[in-house]
Every structure is written in structure tokens, then in C-alpha cells.
N, C-alpha and C. Protein backbone atom coordinates (compact mmCIF):
# COMPACT_ATOMS: atom_id res chain seq x y z
N MET A 1 -2.94 23.98 19.25
CA MET A 1 -1.67 22.85 19.04
C MET A 1 -1.87 22.03 17.19
N VAL A 2 -0.69 21.72 17.79
CA VAL A 2 -0.83 21.35 15.71
C VAL A 2 -0.55 20.45 15.61
N ASN A 3 -1.11 18.76 15.10
CA ASN A 3 -1.34 17.19 15.81
C ASN A 3 -0.71 17.35 13.77
N GLN A 4 0.13 16.09 15.38
CA GLN A 4 0.66 15.35 14.21
C GLN A 4 1.00 13.68 14.26
N VAL A 5 0.61 13.80 13.03
CA VAL A 5 0.06 12.23 11.99
C VAL A 5 1.03 12.27 11.53
N LEU A 6 2.55 10.99 12.24
CA LEU A 6 2.65 10.21 11.01
C LEU A 6 2.85 8.69 10.66
N PHE A 7 3.26 8.80 9.19
CA PHE A 7 2.46 7.16 9.05
C PHE A 7 4.27 5.66 8.28
N PRO A 8 4.10 5.56 9.39
CA PRO A 8 5.39 4.46 9.16
C PRO A 8 5.00 3.77 8.24
N ALA A 9 6.36 3.02 8.00
CA ALA A 9 6.38 2.07 6.96
C ALA A 9 7.03 0.87 6.09
N LEU A 10 5.92 -0.39 6.51
CA LEU A 10 7.18 -1.09 6.34
C LEU A 10 7.30 -2.08 4.73
N VAL A 11 8.26 -2.30 4.58
CA VAL A 11 8.22 -3.03 2.44
C VAL A 11 8.64 -4.64 2.38
N GLU A 12 7.87 -4.56 2.35
CA GLU A 12 7.39 -6.67 1.70
C GLU A 12 8.56 -6.72 0.99
N SER A 13 9.67 -6.99 0.72
CA SER A 13 11.38 -6.93 0.01
C SER A 13 10.96 -8.30 -1.33
N ASN A 14 10.29 -9.02 -1.12
CA ASN A 14 10.26 -9.31 -2.18
C ASN A 14 8.66 -9.38 -3.51
N THR A 15 7.72 -8.97 -3.00
CA THR A 15 6.54 -8.41 -3.15
C THR A 15 6.94 -6.59 -3.89
N ARG A 16 6.64 -6.29 -2.79
CA ARG A 16 7.48 -5.00 -2.22
C ARG A 16 5.73 -4.30 -1.99
N TYR A 17 5.09 -4.97 -1.52
CA TYR A 17 3.80 -4.18 -0.90
C TYR A 17 4.51 -3.75 0.88
N VAL A 18 3.54 -2.46 0.21
CA VAL A 18 4.49 -1.48 1.41
C VAL A 18 2.52 -1.58 2.55
N LEU A 19 2.68 -2.00 3.56
CA LEU A 19 2.51 -1.36 4.28
C LEU A 19 2.64 0.56 4.97
N MET A 20 1.47 0.77 5.24
CA MET A 20 1.50 2.30 5.99
C MET A 20 0.62 2.42 6.97
N VAL A 21 1.02 2.83 8.03
CA VAL A 21 0.00 3.19 9.92
C VAL A 21 0.05 4.50 9.85
N LYS A 22 -0.77 5.11 9.62
CA LYS A 22 -2.22 5.03 10.36
C LYS A 22 -1.37 6.34 11.74
N VAL A 23 -0.39 7.25 12.09
CA VAL A 23 -0.44 6.64 14.02
C VAL A 23 -0.31 8.30 14.30
N ASN A 24 -1.21 9.04 15.45
CA ASN A 24 -1.31 9.80 16.14
C ASN A 24 -1.01 10.38 17.38
N GLY A 25 0.52 9.67 17.53
CA GLY A 25 2.20 9.90 18.14
C GLY A 25 3.09 9.63 17.99
N LYS A 26 3.47 10.59 18.67
CA LYS A 26 5.11 9.96 17.87
C LYS A 26 6.24 9.31 19.00
N ASP A 27 5.92 8.36 19.87
CA ASP A 27 6.70 8.46 20.65
C ASP A 27 6.27 6.89 20.37
N SER A 28 7.86 5.72 20.73
CA SER A 28 8.32 5.01 20.15
C SER A 28 7.10 3.05 19.95
N LYS A 29 6.44 3.86 21.44
CA LYS A 29 5.54 2.75 22.21
C LYS A 29 4.23 2.77 20.56
N THR A 30 3.47 4.59 20.82
CA THR A 30 2.36 4.52 20.26
C THR A 30 3.15 3.70 18.38
N VAL A 31 3.81 4.39 17.51
CA VAL A 31 4.60 3.90 16.30
C VAL A 31 4.80 2.58 17.04
N VAL A 32 5.40 1.78 17.43
CA VAL A 32 5.52 -0.04 17.79
C VAL A 32 4.19 -0.93 17.46
N ASP A 33 3.08 -0.56 19.00
CA ASP A 33 1.88 -1.28 18.70
C ASP A 33 1.09 -0.62 17.49
N ALA A 34 1.10 0.22 16.97
CA ALA A 34 0.21 0.24 16.00
C ALA A 34 0.36 -0.85 14.08
N LEU A 35 2.57 -0.56 14.27
CA LEU A 35 2.43 -1.06 13.31
C LEU A 35 2.55 -2.72 13.68
N ILE A 36 2.50 -3.28 15.31
CA ILE A 36 2.38 -4.27 15.75
C ILE A 36 1.38 -4.83 15.07
N LYS A 37 0.03 -3.88 15.74
CA LYS A 37 -1.96 -4.59 15.34
C LYS A 37 -1.66 -4.67 13.66
N GLN A 38 -1.31 -4.32 12.42
CA GLN A 38 -1.16 -3.89 11.23
C GLN A 38 -0.93 -5.11 10.92
N VAL A 39 0.68 -5.22 11.60
CA VAL A 39 1.82 -6.60 10.73
C VAL A 39 1.08 -8.09 11.05
N HIS A 40 -0.14 -8.14 12.61
CA HIS A 40 -0.70 -9.37 12.41
C HIS A 40 -2.28 -9.78 12.14
N LYS A 41 -2.56 -8.93 10.89
CA LYS A 41 -3.22 -8.52 9.32
C LYS A 41 -3.14 -9.33 8.43
N LEU A 42 -1.46 -9.62 8.90
CA LEU A 42 -1.22 -9.81 6.89
C LEU A 42 -1.06 -11.18 6.91
N PRO A 43 0.03 -12.00 5.80
CA PRO A 43 -0.52 -13.38 5.90
C PRO A 43 0.89 -13.68 6.61
N SER A 44 0.98 -14.36 7.04
CA SER A 44 1.97 -15.13 7.41
C SER A 44 3.15 -15.53 6.82
N GLU A 45 3.36 -15.40 5.98
CA GLU A 45 3.73 -15.82 4.70
C GLU A 45 4.88 -14.85 4.22
N LEU A 46 4.30 -13.36 4.46
CA LEU A 46 4.90 -12.33 4.29
C LEU A 46 5.56 -11.45 5.63
N TYR A 47 5.93 -12.98 6.43
CA TYR A 47 6.39 -11.64 8.02
C TYR A 47 7.54 -11.59 8.20
N LYS A 48 8.38 -13.26 6.58
CA LYS A 48 9.73 -13.52 6.91
C LYS A 48 10.52 -12.73 6.03
N SER A 49 9.85 -11.33 5.37
CA SER A 49 11.09 -10.75 4.56
C SER A 49 10.33 -8.81 4.63
N LEU A 50 9.78 -8.85 5.60
CA LEU A 50 9.16 -7.55 5.85
C LEU A 50 10.85 -6.45 6.33
N THR A 51 11.00 -5.13 6.15
CA THR A 51 11.71 -4.16 6.85
C THR A 51 11.33 -3.77 6.71
């Protein structure tokens, strides 16, 4: 069995800061939960311009 590891990314458009998250599944719940967990670690000013 092959493990599928994904690296979805969010980009902050003003500073071009890139947030990549390692995700061990490809279903949407797993990806969204991983992104939410990491976004909560960002300074609140960066939320406004994430894409």
C-alpha cells in the first residue's frame, strides 16, 4: 500500500508568506482540519489576506 501525503498550501497575498501543511489523507475533512489547525497559529493580521 502506498501512503499518499499531500501538502496543501495557503498564501498570504501581501507578504507572499506560504503556509504548507503535511496531510496524511486526501479527503476534504482531513485537509480542512489540518489547514484550520495551522491557521490558528498565525498572527490575526494575516487572516485577512489568505488565499
